[in-house]
Amino acid sequence: MIQKFKKTPFWALVSGLAGIVVFLVALLVLRFIAGHTASPFLDGFVSLLFASTPVIIIFSVLFMVADVFSSFPLPANLPYPVFNAVASVLLVTFLLSMLQYFNEYFALGFGGVLDTLTVILIPLVLVVVLIAGYVAIFTGLSVREE
């Protein structure tokens, strides 16, 4: 039988903060590399990451807060799907902006599709993550009661 690792709130906080610090250090290293190479693609990509840094930090913090809430027992873990859903929407928004950058850089020609996809995908992600989170909470509750 495999034991499932139970994450504590402190461990969720430490791992989330460590992930943010690692991202920021990697971003600085990428900025240094992009500044010393003659690659317009890398320079544009690093500029996109720098412009998106506040969004990346916000969804990382939201995922971390959701992780902290998910480590609590039932009445206290109810907010975690909401934090997960909002963070997932921000993550999808960031990924769509990366796709937009690749579309513009490589002239792929699916810019109009991205606009339509954004309108459909963002509410869909919000609803699916919310439903999946609450289903996970309540199915976990029924398993614990047995």
C-alpha atoms as a PDB file:
ATOM      1  CA  MET A   1       0.000   0.000   0.000  1.00  0.00           C
ATOM      2  CA  ILE A   2       1.372   3.402  -0.971  1.00  0.00           C
ATOM      3  CA  GLN A   3       1.223   6.112   1.664  1.00  0.00           C
ATOM      4  CA  LYS A   4       0.035   9.479   0.396  1.00  0.00           C
ATOM      5  CA  PHE A   5       2.168  12.403   1.577  1.00  0.00           C
ATOM      6  CA  LYS A   6       0.094  14.790   3.711  1.00  0.00           C
ATOM      7  CA  LYS A   7       1.280  18.310   3.069  1.00  0.00           C
ATOM      8  CA  THR A   8       1.329  20.631   6.073  1.00  0.00           C
ATOM      9  CA  PRO A   9       0.438  24.324   5.757  1.00  0.00           C
ATOM     10  CA  PHE A  10       4.011  25.290   6.635  1.00  0.00           C
ATOM     11  CA  TRP A  11       5.436  22.994   3.950  1.00  0.00           C
ATOM     12  CA  ALA A  12       2.970  24.379   1.383  1.00  0.00           C
ATOM     13  CA  LEU A  13       4.049  27.921   2.261  1.00  0.00           C
ATOM     14  CA  VAL A  14       7.773  27.130   2.121  1.00  0.00           C
ATOM     15  CA  SER A  15       7.557  25.227  -1.173  1.00  0.00           C
ATOM     16  CA  GLY A  16       5.450  27.978  -2.757  1.00  0.00           C
ATOM     17  CA  LEU A  17       7.854  30.716  -1.698  1.00  0.00           C
ATOM     18  CA  ALA A  18      10.833  28.632  -2.844  1.00  0.00           C
ATOM     19  CA  GLY A  19       9.209  28.229  -6.264  1.00  0.00           C
ATOM     20  CA  ILE A  20       8.734  31.988  -6.588  1.00  0.00           C
ATOM     21  CA  VAL A  21      12.364  32.654  -5.605  1.00  0.00           C
ATOM     22  CA  VAL A  22      13.640  30.041  -8.089  1.00  0.00           C
ATOM     23  CA  PHE A  23      11.523  31.631 -10.838  1.00  0.00           C
ATOM     24  CA  LEU A  24      12.898  35.105 -10.089  1.00  0.00           C
ATOM     25  CA  VAL A  25      16.505  33.857 -10.076  1.00  0.00           C
ATOM     26  CA  ALA A  26      15.940  31.984 -13.358  1.00  0.00           C
ATOM     27  CA  LEU A  27      14.401  35.133 -14.832  1.00  0.00           C
ATOM     28  CA  LEU A  28      17.458  37.178 -13.884  1.00  0.00           C
ATOM     29  CA  VAL A  29      19.765  34.551 -15.398  1.00  0.00           C
ATOM     30  CA  LEU A  30      17.684  34.564 -18.594  1.00  0.00           C
ATOM     31  CA  ARG A  31      17.850  38.371 -18.709  1.00  0.00           C
ATOM     32  CA  PHE A  32      21.642  38.194 -18.406  1.00  0.00           C
ATOM     33  CA  ILE A  33      21.873  35.578 -21.176  1.00  0.00           C
ATOM     34  CA  ALA A  34      19.493  37.525 -23.435  1.00  0.00           C
ATOM     35  CA  GLY A  35      21.522  40.691 -22.906  1.00  0.00           C
ATOM     36  CA  HIS A  36      24.712  38.963 -24.031  1.00  0.00           C
ATOM     37  CA  THR A  37      23.358  37.206 -27.106  1.00  0.00           C
ATOM     38  CA  ALA A  38      22.080  38.528 -30.403  1.00  0.00           C
ATOM     39  CA  SER A  39      18.855  36.542 -30.430  1.00  0.00           C
ATOM     40  CA  PRO A  40      15.761  38.669 -30.998  1.00  0.00           C
ATOM     41  CA  PHE A  41      13.550  35.686 -30.132  1.00  0.00           C
ATOM     42  CA  LEU A  42      15.198  35.183 -26.730  1.00  0.00           C
ATOM     43  CA  ASP A  43      15.202  38.913 -26.046  1.00  0.00           C
ATOM     44  CA  GLY A  44      11.503  39.175 -26.898  1.00  0.00           C
ATOM     45  CA  PHE A  45      10.657  36.086 -24.857  1.00  0.00           C
ATOM     46  CA  VAL A  46      12.523  37.386 -21.803  1.00  0.00           C
ATOM     47  CA  SER A  47      10.805  40.753 -22.246  1.00  0.00           C
ATOM     48  CA  LEU A  48       7.453  38.940 -22.284  1.00  0.00           C
ATOM     49  CA  LEU A  49       8.391  37.098 -19.090  1.00  0.00           C
ATOM     50  CA  PHE A  50       9.471  40.353 -17.433  1.00  0.00           C
ATOM     51  CA  ALA A  51       6.228  42.044 -18.473  1.00  0.00           C
ATOM     52  CA  SER A  52       4.250  39.064 -17.161  1.00  0.00           C
ATOM     53  CA  THR A  53       6.177  38.746 -13.891  1.00  0.00           C
ATOM     54  CA  PRO A  54       3.436  40.352 -11.746  1.00  0.00           C
ATOM     55  CA  VAL A  55       0.832  37.965 -13.175  1.00  0.00           C
ATOM     56  CA  ILE A  56       3.151  34.984 -12.673  1.00  0.00           C
ATOM     57  CA  ILE A  57       3.820  35.971  -9.063  1.00  0.00           C
ATOM     58  CA  ILE A  58       0.112  36.557  -8.401  1.00  0.00           C
ATOM     59  CA  PHE A  59      -0.961  33.151  -9.719  1.00  0.00           C
ATOM     60  CA  SER A  60       1.935  31.494  -7.892  1.00  0.00           C
ATOM     61  CA  VAL A  61       0.827  33.099  -4.627  1.00  0.00           C
ATOM     62  CA  LEU A  62      -2.784  32.092  -5.299  1.00  0.00           C
ATOM     63  CA  PHE A  63      -1.739  28.478  -5.961  1.00  0.00           C
ATOM     64  CA  MET A  64       0.328  28.587  -2.756  1.00  0.00           C
ATOM     65  CA  VAL A  65      -2.635  29.907  -0.732  1.00  0.00           C
ATOM     66  CA  ALA A  66      -4.843  27.207  -2.264  1.00  0.00           C
ATOM     67  CA  ASP A  67      -2.247  24.616  -1.286  1.00  0.00           C
ATOM     68  CA  VAL A  68      -2.245  25.925   2.284  1.00  0.00           C
ATOM     69  CA  PHE A  69      -6.056  25.769   2.462  1.00  0.00           C
ATOM     70  CA  SER A  70      -6.124  22.269   0.960  1.00  0.00           C
ATOM     71  CA  SER A  71      -3.987  20.968   3.815  1.00  0.00           C
ATOM     72  CA  PHE A  72      -6.687  21.806   6.396  1.00  0.00           C
ATOM     73  CA  PRO A  73      -9.642  19.540   7.288  1.00  0.00           C
ATOM     74  CA  LEU A  74     -13.097  20.037   5.774  1.00  0.00           C
ATOM     75  CA  PRO A  75     -14.625  23.269   6.928  1.00  0.00           C
ATOM     76  CA  ALA A  76     -11.368  25.167   6.521  1.00  0.00           C
ATOM     77  CA  ASN A  77     -10.442  23.728   3.113  1.00  0.00           C
ATOM     78  CA  LEU A  78     -13.553  24.988   1.301  1.00  0.00           C
ATOM     79  CA  PRO A  79     -11.857  28.140  -0.124  1.00  0.00           C
ATOM     80  CA  TYR A  80      -9.074  26.237  -1.871  1.00  0.00           C
ATOM     81  CA  PRO A  81     -10.990  25.513  -5.122  1.00  0.00           C
ATOM     82  CA  VAL A  82     -11.762  29.231  -5.466  1.00  0.00           C
ATOM     83  CA  PHE A  83      -8.084  30.173  -5.155  1.00  0.00           C
ATOM     84  CA  ASN A  84      -7.162  27.343  -7.537  1.00  0.00           C
ATOM     85  CA  ALA A  85      -9.755  28.493 -10.079  1.00  0.00           C
ATOM     86  CA  VAL A  86      -8.640  32.136 -10.069  1.00  0.00           C
ATOM     87  CA  ALA A  87      -4.982  31.103 -10.279  1.00  0.00           C
ATOM     88  CA  SER A  88      -5.799  28.730 -13.142  1.00  0.00           C
ATOM     89  CA  VAL A  89      -7.523  31.521 -15.061  1.00  0.00           C
ATOM     90  CA  LEU A  90      -4.437  33.716 -14.630  1.00  0.00           C
ATOM     91  CA  LEU A  91      -2.201  30.824 -15.719  1.00  0.00           C
ATOM     92  CA  VAL A  92      -4.287  30.231 -18.852  1.00  0.00           C
ATOM     93  CA  THR A  93      -4.208  33.967 -19.587  1.00  0.00           C
ATOM     94  CA  PHE A  94      -0.415  33.915 -19.329  1.00  0.00           C
ATOM     95  CA  LEU A  95      -0.149  30.836 -21.563  1.00  0.00           C
ATOM     96  CA  LEU A  96      -2.411  32.465 -24.140  1.00  0.00           C
ATOM     97  CA  SER A  97      -0.189  35.568 -24.122  1.00  0.00           C
ATOM     98  CA  MET A  98       2.791  33.276 -24.775  1.00  0.00           C
ATOM     99  CA  LEU A  99       0.913  31.697 -27.687  1.00  0.00           C
ATOM    100  CA  GLN A 100       0.161  35.197 -28.976  1.00  0.00           C
ATOM    101  CA  TYR A 101       3.890  36.025 -28.816  1.00  0.00           C
ATOM    102  CA  PHE A 102       4.803  32.854 -30.724  1.00  0.00           C
ATOM    103  CA  ASN A 103       2.082  33.627 -33.270  1.00  0.00           C
ATOM    104  CA  GLU A 104       3.443  37.126 -33.848  1.00  0.00           C
ATOM    105  CA  TYR A 105       7.109  36.087 -33.913  1.00  0.00           C
ATOM    106  CA  PHE A 106       6.750  33.095 -36.222  1.00  0.00           C
ATOM    107  CA  ALA A 107       3.752  34.477 -38.213  1.00  0.00           C
ATOM    108  CA  LEU A 108       1.724  31.337 -37.607  1.00  0.00           C
ATOM    109  CA  GLY A 109      -1.556  33.007 -38.526  1.00  0.00           C
ATOM    110  CA  PHE A 110      -3.892  31.880 -35.773  1.00  0.00           C
ATOM    111  CA  GLY A 111      -4.386  35.278 -34.085  1.00  0.00           C
ATOM    112  CA  GLY A 112      -8.138  35.370 -34.716  1.00  0.00           C
ATOM    113  CA  VAL A 113      -8.534  31.889 -33.304  1.00  0.00           C
ATOM    114  CA  LEU A 114      -6.717  32.941 -30.123  1.00  0.00           C
ATOM    115  CA  ASP A 115      -9.224  35.727 -29.491  1.00  0.00           C
ATOM    116  CA  THR A 116     -12.130  33.306 -29.816  1.00  0.00           C
ATOM    117  CA  LEU A 117     -10.300  30.675 -27.785  1.00  0.00           C
ATOM    118  CA  THR A 118      -9.705  33.192 -24.995  1.00  0.00           C
ATOM    119  CA  VAL A 119     -13.395  34.054 -24.750  1.00  0.00           C
ATOM    120  CA  ILE A 120     -14.333  30.369 -24.531  1.00  0.00           C
ATOM    121  CA  LEU A 121     -11.427  28.986 -22.528  1.00  0.00           C
ATOM    122  CA  ILE A 122     -11.237  31.385 -19.581  1.00  0.00           C
ATOM    123  CA  PRO A 123     -14.804  30.870 -18.251  1.00  0.00           C
ATOM    124  CA  LEU A 124     -14.537  27.152 -19.023  1.00  0.00           C
ATOM    125  CA  VAL A 125     -11.331  26.818 -16.988  1.00  0.00           C
ATOM    126  CA  LEU A 126     -12.888  28.725 -14.093  1.00  0.00           C
ATOM    127  CA  VAL A 127     -15.968  26.490 -13.969  1.00  0.00           C
ATOM    128  CA  VAL A 128     -14.116  23.199 -14.507  1.00  0.00           C
ATOM    129  CA  VAL A 129     -11.507  23.909 -11.820  1.00  0.00           C
ATOM    130  CA  LEU A 130     -14.173  25.022  -9.328  1.00  0.00           C
ATOM    131  CA  ILE A 131     -16.298  21.923  -9.926  1.00  0.00           C
ATOM    132  CA  ALA A 132     -13.302  19.575  -9.855  1.00  0.00           C
ATOM    133  CA  GLY A 133     -12.033  21.126  -6.626  1.00  0.00           C
ATOM    134  CA  TYR A 134     -15.322  20.760  -4.794  1.00  0.00           C
ATOM    135  CA  VAL A 135     -15.832  17.240  -6.145  1.00  0.00           C
ATOM    136  CA  ALA A 136     -12.354  16.353  -4.851  1.00  0.00           C
ATOM    137  CA  ILE A 137     -13.192  17.770  -1.426  1.00  0.00           C
ATOM    138  CA  PHE A 138     -16.494  15.945  -1.086  1.00  0.00           C
ATOM    139  CA  THR A 139     -15.300  12.614  -2.523  1.00  0.00           C
ATOM    140  CA  GLY A 140     -12.364  12.790  -0.121  1.00  0.00           C
ATOM    141  CA  LEU A 141     -14.867  13.352   2.673  1.00  0.00           C
ATOM    142  CA  SER A 142     -16.852  10.247   1.765  1.00  0.00           C
ATOM    143  CA  VAL A 143     -13.655   8.179   1.623  1.00  0.00           C
ATOM    144  CA  ARG A 144     -12.590   9.454   5.068  1.00  0.00           C
ATOM    145  CA  GLU A 145     -15.963   8.560   6.593  1.00  0.00           C
ATOM    146  CA  GLU A 146     -15.629   4.887   5.602  1.00  0.00           C
END
